[in-house]
N, C-alpha and C. Protein backbone atom coordinates (compact mmCIF):
# COMPACT_ATOMS: atom_id res chain seq x y z
N MET A 1 -26.05 -14.13 -18.50
CA MET A 1 -26.43 -15.39 -17.91
C MET A 1 -26.57 -14.96 -16.30
N ALA A 2 -27.81 -14.85 -15.73
CA ALA A 2 -27.77 -14.66 -14.26
C ALA A 2 -27.26 -15.66 -13.36
N LEU A 3 -26.85 -15.39 -12.18
CA LEU A 3 -26.29 -16.45 -11.10
C LEU A 3 -27.56 -16.70 -10.30
N LYS A 4 -27.70 -17.90 -9.94
CA LYS A 4 -28.75 -18.69 -9.31
C LYS A 4 -28.78 -17.69 -7.79
N ASP A 5 -29.88 -18.11 -6.99
CA ASP A 5 -29.57 -17.62 -5.49
C ASP A 5 -28.66 -17.96 -4.99
N ASN A 6 -28.25 -19.42 -4.88
CA ASN A 6 -27.18 -19.96 -4.04
C ASN A 6 -25.79 -19.82 -4.73
N GLU A 7 -25.84 -19.66 -5.80
CA GLU A 7 -24.35 -19.35 -6.26
C GLU A 7 -24.05 -17.99 -6.16
N ARG A 8 -25.04 -16.81 -6.12
CA ARG A 8 -24.97 -15.70 -5.67
C ARG A 8 -24.54 -15.54 -4.19
N LYS A 9 -25.21 -16.30 -3.25
CA LYS A 9 -24.81 -16.09 -1.88
C LYS A 9 -23.54 -16.52 -1.75
N ILE A 10 -23.15 -17.53 -2.41
CA ILE A 10 -21.79 -18.15 -2.33
C ILE A 10 -20.87 -17.05 -2.58
N ALA A 11 -20.89 -16.21 -3.80
CA ALA A 11 -20.33 -15.59 -4.27
C ALA A 11 -20.05 -14.09 -3.40
N ILE A 12 -21.08 -13.91 -2.79
CA ILE A 12 -21.30 -13.03 -1.99
C ILE A 12 -20.49 -13.33 -0.66
N GLY A 13 -20.48 -14.59 -0.29
CA GLY A 13 -19.91 -14.71 1.05
C GLY A 13 -18.08 -14.96 0.89
N LEU A 14 -18.10 -15.31 -0.52
CA LEU A 14 -16.43 -15.61 -0.97
C LEU A 14 -15.92 -14.06 -0.99
N ALA A 15 -16.49 -13.03 -1.64
CA ALA A 15 -16.22 -11.87 -1.83
C ALA A 15 -16.03 -11.23 -0.14
N LYS A 16 -16.79 -11.38 0.64
CA LYS A 16 -16.67 -10.80 1.78
C LYS A 16 -15.44 -11.30 2.73
N TYR A 17 -15.47 -12.56 2.71
CA TYR A 17 -14.16 -13.36 3.32
C TYR A 17 -12.84 -12.73 2.56
N THR A 18 -12.73 -12.26 1.44
CA THR A 18 -11.53 -12.14 0.68
C THR A 18 -11.31 -10.85 1.16
N LEU A 19 -12.34 -9.84 1.05
CA LEU A 19 -12.10 -8.25 1.77
C LEU A 19 -11.73 -8.28 2.96
N ARG A 20 -12.38 -9.10 4.07
CA ARG A 20 -12.04 -9.05 5.49
C ARG A 20 -10.63 -9.76 5.83
N THR A 21 -10.45 -10.82 5.13
CA THR A 21 -8.81 -11.32 5.47
C THR A 21 -7.95 -10.58 4.83
N GLY A 22 -8.25 -9.66 3.51
CA GLY A 22 -7.20 -8.74 3.27
C GLY A 22 -7.02 -7.49 4.18
N ARG A 23 -7.95 -6.91 4.72
CA ARG A 23 -7.97 -6.02 5.69
C ARG A 23 -7.16 -6.45 6.80
N GLY A 24 -7.82 -7.71 7.50
CA GLY A 24 -7.03 -8.28 8.49
C GLY A 24 -5.68 -8.64 8.34
N GLY A 25 -5.23 -9.21 7.10
CA GLY A 25 -3.83 -9.14 6.90
C GLY A 25 -2.93 -7.98 6.78
N GLY A 26 -3.68 -6.97 6.52
CA GLY A 26 -3.08 -5.68 6.39
C GLY A 26 -2.63 -5.27 7.77
N LEU A 27 -3.58 -5.07 8.89
CA LEU A 27 -3.41 -4.71 10.16
C LEU A 27 -2.54 -6.16 10.71
N ILE A 28 -2.58 -7.35 10.55
CA ILE A 28 -1.58 -8.14 11.18
C ILE A 28 -0.09 -7.47 10.55
N GLY A 29 -0.04 -7.31 9.25
CA GLY A 29 1.00 -7.30 8.71
C GLY A 29 1.70 -5.82 9.64
N GLN A 30 1.03 -5.05 10.24
CA GLN A 30 1.54 -3.99 10.51
C GLN A 30 2.19 -4.02 12.00
N ILE A 31 1.48 -5.39 12.74
CA ILE A 31 2.24 -5.58 13.77
C ILE A 31 3.42 -6.44 13.51
N THR A 32 3.42 -7.36 12.46
CA THR A 32 4.27 -8.26 12.37
C THR A 32 5.76 -7.34 11.69
N ASP A 33 5.18 -6.39 11.03
CA ASP A 33 6.74 -5.22 10.69
C ASP A 33 7.07 -4.80 11.69
N MET A 34 6.45 -4.40 12.88
CA MET A 34 7.44 -3.94 13.77
C MET A 34 8.36 -4.84 14.74
N GLY A 35 7.87 -6.12 14.47
CA GLY A 35 9.14 -7.32 15.15
C GLY A 35 9.93 -7.67 14.33
N ARG A 36 9.64 -7.39 13.16
CA ARG A 36 10.81 -7.60 11.89
C ARG A 36 11.94 -6.22 11.79
N ASP A 37 10.99 -5.30 12.00
CA ASP A 37 12.02 -4.03 12.26
C ASP A 37 12.95 -4.30 13.40
N MET A 38 12.27 -4.89 14.56
CA MET A 38 13.03 -4.91 15.90
C MET A 38 14.35 -5.92 15.52
N LEU A 39 13.91 -7.10 14.87
CA LEU A 39 15.15 -7.92 14.20
C LEU A 39 16.34 -7.20 13.59
N GLN A 40 15.69 -6.71 12.47
CA GLN A 40 16.64 -6.03 11.57
C GLN A 40 17.29 -4.91 12.40
N GLY A 41 16.93 -4.10 13.23
CA GLY A 41 17.49 -3.05 14.01
C GLY A 41 18.72 -3.63 14.93
N THR A 42 18.18 -4.92 15.49
CA THR A 42 19.24 -5.56 16.25
C THR A 42 20.45 -5.77 15.56
N VAL A 43 20.31 -6.50 14.18
CA VAL A 43 21.57 -6.87 13.26
C VAL A 43 22.22 -5.54 12.84
N PHE A 44 21.33 -4.25 12.64
CA PHE A 44 22.01 -3.51 12.20
C PHE A 44 22.99 -2.47 13.32
N ILE A 45 22.40 -2.74 14.63
CA ILE A 45 23.13 -2.30 15.82
C ILE A 45 24.18 -2.98 15.97
N PHE A 46 24.31 -4.29 15.72
CA PHE A 46 25.36 -5.22 15.87
C PHE A 46 26.47 -4.93 14.89
N ALA A 47 25.95 -4.68 13.50
CA ALA A 47 26.74 -4.33 12.58
C ALA A 47 27.57 -2.93 12.80
N ILE A 48 26.84 -2.01 13.24
CA ILE A 48 27.42 -0.92 13.63
C ILE A 48 28.63 -0.91 14.39
N ASN A 49 28.08 -1.66 15.48
CA ASN A 49 29.20 -1.73 16.54
C ASN A 49 30.31 -2.52 16.46
N GLU A 50 30.15 -3.56 15.40
CA GLU A 50 31.47 -4.31 14.80
C GLU A 50 32.41 -3.49 13.84
N VAL A 51 31.39 -2.93 13.07
CA VAL A 51 32.15 -2.18 11.68
C VAL A 51 32.97 -1.09 12.24
N VAL A 52 32.04 -0.14 12.91
CA VAL A 52 32.35 0.98 13.04
C VAL A 52 32.86 1.28 14.58
N GLY A 53 32.54 0.31 15.32
CA GLY A 53 33.08 0.78 16.66
C GLY A 53 31.81 1.59 17.77
N ILE A 54 30.82 1.98 17.10
CA ILE A 54 30.04 2.81 17.80
C ILE A 54 28.88 1.87 18.47
N SER A 55 28.84 1.91 19.76
CA SER A 55 27.88 1.13 20.52
C SER A 55 26.51 2.07 20.88
N ILE A 56 25.56 1.40 20.50
CA ILE A 56 24.25 1.80 20.50
C ILE A 56 23.61 1.03 21.40
N PRO A 57 22.91 1.32 22.41
CA PRO A 57 22.28 0.68 23.52
C PRO A 57 21.01 -0.13 23.10
N VAL A 58 20.76 -1.15 23.19
CA VAL A 58 19.77 -1.90 22.61
C VAL A 58 18.05 -1.40 23.02
N LEU A 59 18.31 -0.92 24.21
CA LEU A 59 17.19 -0.34 24.73
C LEU A 59 16.71 1.00 23.96
N TRP A 60 17.42 1.56 22.88
CA TRP A 60 16.82 2.19 21.82
C TRP A 60 16.02 1.78 20.85
N LEU A 61 16.16 0.30 20.61
CA LEU A 61 15.48 -0.38 19.51
C LEU A 61 14.01 0.11 19.58
N PRO A 62 12.90 -0.13 20.47
CA PRO A 62 11.52 0.34 20.59
C PRO A 62 11.45 1.88 20.00
N ILE A 63 12.49 2.60 20.34
CA ILE A 63 12.48 4.28 20.22
C ILE A 63 12.47 4.41 18.51
N ILE A 64 13.42 3.54 18.08
CA ILE A 64 13.78 3.78 16.89
C ILE A 64 12.54 2.93 16.08
N VAL A 65 11.93 1.99 16.25
CA VAL A 65 11.09 1.33 15.69
C VAL A 65 9.88 2.38 15.58
N ILE A 66 9.52 2.72 16.82
CA ILE A 66 8.32 3.72 16.82
C ILE A 66 8.72 5.11 15.89
N GLY A 67 9.64 5.42 15.88
CA GLY A 67 10.14 6.50 15.18
C GLY A 67 10.17 6.32 13.65
N LYS A 68 10.59 5.29 13.26
CA LYS A 68 10.34 4.70 11.91
C LYS A 68 8.85 4.69 11.28
N LYS A 69 7.88 4.35 12.42
CA LYS A 69 6.51 3.93 12.22
C LYS A 69 5.97 5.39 11.60
N GLY A 70 6.56 6.24 12.78
CA GLY A 70 6.18 7.71 13.06
C GLY A 70 6.61 8.49 11.42
N CYS A 71 7.57 8.13 10.81
CA CYS A 71 8.35 8.40 9.83
C CYS A 71 7.31 8.13 8.84
N GLU A 72 7.17 6.78 8.70
CA GLU A 72 6.12 6.27 7.48
C GLU A 72 4.76 6.90 7.51
N TYR A 73 4.14 7.09 8.63
CA TYR A 73 2.84 7.88 8.60
C TYR A 73 3.04 9.23 8.30
N LEU A 74 4.04 10.18 8.45
CA LEU A 74 4.34 11.34 8.10
C LEU A 74 4.28 11.50 6.67
N LEU A 75 5.10 10.50 6.13
CA LEU A 75 5.14 10.41 4.50
C LEU A 75 3.91 10.19 3.79
N GLY A 76 3.17 9.25 4.46
CA GLY A 76 1.97 8.98 4.09
C GLY A 76 0.82 10.32 3.92
N TRP A 77 0.80 10.98 4.88
CA TRP A 77 0.30 12.10 5.27
C TRP A 77 0.59 13.38 4.40
N LEU A 78 1.99 13.43 4.23
CA LEU A 78 2.33 14.20 2.94
C LEU A 78 2.13 14.13 1.63
N ASP A 79 2.05 12.42 1.53
CA ASP A 79 1.68 12.25 0.17
C ASP A 79 0.20 12.46 -0.17
N GLU A 80 -0.74 12.35 1.00
CA GLU A 80 -2.04 12.88 0.62
C GLU A 80 -2.08 14.29 0.15
N ARG A 81 -1.39 15.06 0.91
CA ARG A 81 -1.30 16.44 0.63
C ARG A 81 -0.80 16.98 -0.58
N VAL A 82 0.50 16.38 -1.05
CA VAL A 82 1.04 16.71 -2.13
C VAL A 82 0.79 15.88 -3.62
N GLY A 83 0.19 14.67 -3.21
CA GLY A 83 -0.35 13.78 -4.30
C GLY A 83 0.44 13.40 -5.16
N PHE A 84 1.54 13.15 -4.71
CA PHE A 84 2.75 12.01 -5.10
C PHE A 84 2.27 10.60 -5.82
N TRP A 85 1.41 9.88 -5.13
CA TRP A 85 0.96 9.03 -5.63
C TRP A 85 0.13 8.90 -6.60
N LYS A 86 -0.79 10.00 -6.82
CA LYS A 86 -1.50 10.06 -7.78
C LYS A 86 -1.01 10.89 -9.08
N ILE A 87 0.14 11.22 -8.89
CA ILE A 87 0.94 11.69 -10.21
C ILE A 87 1.77 10.65 -10.59
N GLU A 88 2.30 9.53 -9.70
CA GLU A 88 2.73 8.32 -10.16
C GLU A 88 1.86 7.52 -10.74
N GLN A 89 0.56 7.27 -10.36
CA GLN A 89 -0.17 6.56 -10.97
C GLN A 89 -0.44 7.10 -12.30
N ASP A 90 -0.78 8.15 -12.58
CA ASP A 90 -1.00 9.05 -13.75
C ASP A 90 -0.19 8.84 -14.70
N TYR A 91 1.34 8.80 -14.10
CA TYR A 91 2.57 8.74 -15.21
C TYR A 91 2.57 7.06 -15.73
N SER A 92 2.06 6.11 -14.84
CA SER A 92 2.35 4.66 -14.92
C SER A 92 1.04 4.54 -16.00
N SER A 93 -0.04 4.97 -15.65
CA SER A 93 -1.14 4.82 -16.82
C SER A 93 -1.06 5.52 -18.28
N ARG A 94 -0.35 6.66 -18.31
CA ARG A 94 -0.13 7.58 -19.60
C ARG A 94 1.22 6.93 -20.44
N VAL A 95 2.37 6.40 -19.63
CA VAL A 95 3.33 6.35 -20.14
C VAL A 95 3.96 4.68 -20.17
N ILE A 96 3.87 4.27 -18.91
CA ILE A 96 3.94 2.77 -19.03
C ILE A 96 2.88 1.86 -19.38
N ASN A 97 1.68 2.23 -19.33
CA ASN A 97 0.74 1.31 -19.81
C ASN A 97 -0.06 2.23 -20.50
N PRO A 98 0.33 2.72 -22.04
CA PRO A 98 -0.61 3.75 -22.75
C PRO A 98 -1.98 3.18 -23.03
N PHE A 99 -2.00 1.85 -22.99
CA PHE A 99 -3.70 1.40 -23.41
C PHE A 99 -4.58 1.84 -22.42
N ASN A 100 -4.20 2.20 -21.05
CA ASN A 100 -5.44 2.75 -20.42
C ASN A 100 -5.56 4.38 -20.94
N GLY A 101 -4.55 4.96 -21.22
CA GLY A 101 -4.98 6.45 -21.71
C GLY A 101 -5.60 6.42 -23.13
N GLU A 102 -5.53 5.44 -23.82
CA GLU A 102 -6.35 5.44 -25.07
C GLU A 102 -7.89 5.02 -24.66
N MET A 103 -7.69 4.03 -23.75
CA MET A 103 -9.30 3.80 -23.20
C MET A 103 -10.16 4.54 -22.53
N LEU A 104 -9.35 5.55 -22.02
CA LEU A 104 -10.02 6.73 -21.56
C LEU A 104 -10.35 7.76 -22.43
N LYS A 105 -9.52 8.21 -23.65
CA LYS A 105 -9.97 8.83 -24.76
C LYS A 105 -11.21 8.65 -25.27
N ARG A 106 -11.17 7.23 -25.45
CA ARG A 106 -12.41 6.79 -26.05
C ARG A 106 -13.85 6.82 -25.35
N ILE A 107 -13.64 6.74 -24.17
CA ILE A 107 -14.34 6.71 -22.97
C ILE A 107 -15.06 8.27 -23.10
N LYS A 108 -14.27 9.12 -23.14
CA LYS A 108 -14.55 10.42 -23.11
C LYS A 108 -15.14 10.72 -24.44
N ASN A 109 -14.75 10.34 -25.46
CA ASN A 109 -15.45 10.52 -26.85
C ASN A 109 -16.83 9.88 -26.84
N ILE A 110 -17.04 8.88 -26.49
CA ILE A 110 -18.45 8.12 -26.16
C ILE A 110 -19.26 9.27 -25.32
N GLU A 111 -18.75 9.61 -24.34
CA GLU A 111 -19.63 10.53 -23.33
C GLU A 111 -20.11 11.72 -24.10
N GLU A 112 -18.89 12.34 -24.92
CA GLU A 112 -19.54 13.56 -25.49
C GLU A 112 -20.39 13.31 -26.82
N MET A 113 -20.45 12.07 -27.41
CA MET A 113 -21.43 11.75 -28.14
C MET A 113 -22.86 11.70 -27.84
N LEU A 114 -22.81 10.90 -26.28
CA LEU A 114 -24.11 10.87 -25.91
C LEU A 114 -24.42 12.26 -25.20
N LYS A 115 -23.83 13.00 -24.86
CA LYS A 115 -23.99 14.38 -24.35
C LYS A 115 -24.88 15.29 -25.50
N LYS A 116 -24.38 15.02 -26.83
CA LYS A 116 -24.65 15.75 -28.09
C LYS A 116 -26.10 15.25 -28.31
N LYS A 117 -26.60 14.07 -28.09
CA LYS A 117 -27.68 13.40 -28.40
C LYS A 117 -28.67 13.93 -27.48
């Protein structure tokens, strides 16, 4: 059953809204994460000072947070090169959710049958 023109326009508008707010939320999340990291870093510095007695100047916080973001970026870049995420997803679909692997085998069998015809 096909959607009417108005329903289709509404569905497309909703899909655009969902995609755009998702991307925007991800970008805002990056900014708010830095603020959260600053707050957590302040607590961490206070705890180190109180428990261990090592005093770290608060002015180091921005450097630490920027360094953390740099490390996150580097790990993402390395993951693109090594492919750990792909290996993890493959393991997840084969072992944790074997139904996906079974479906993949069935699709390959159908493709082979179609090629033979």
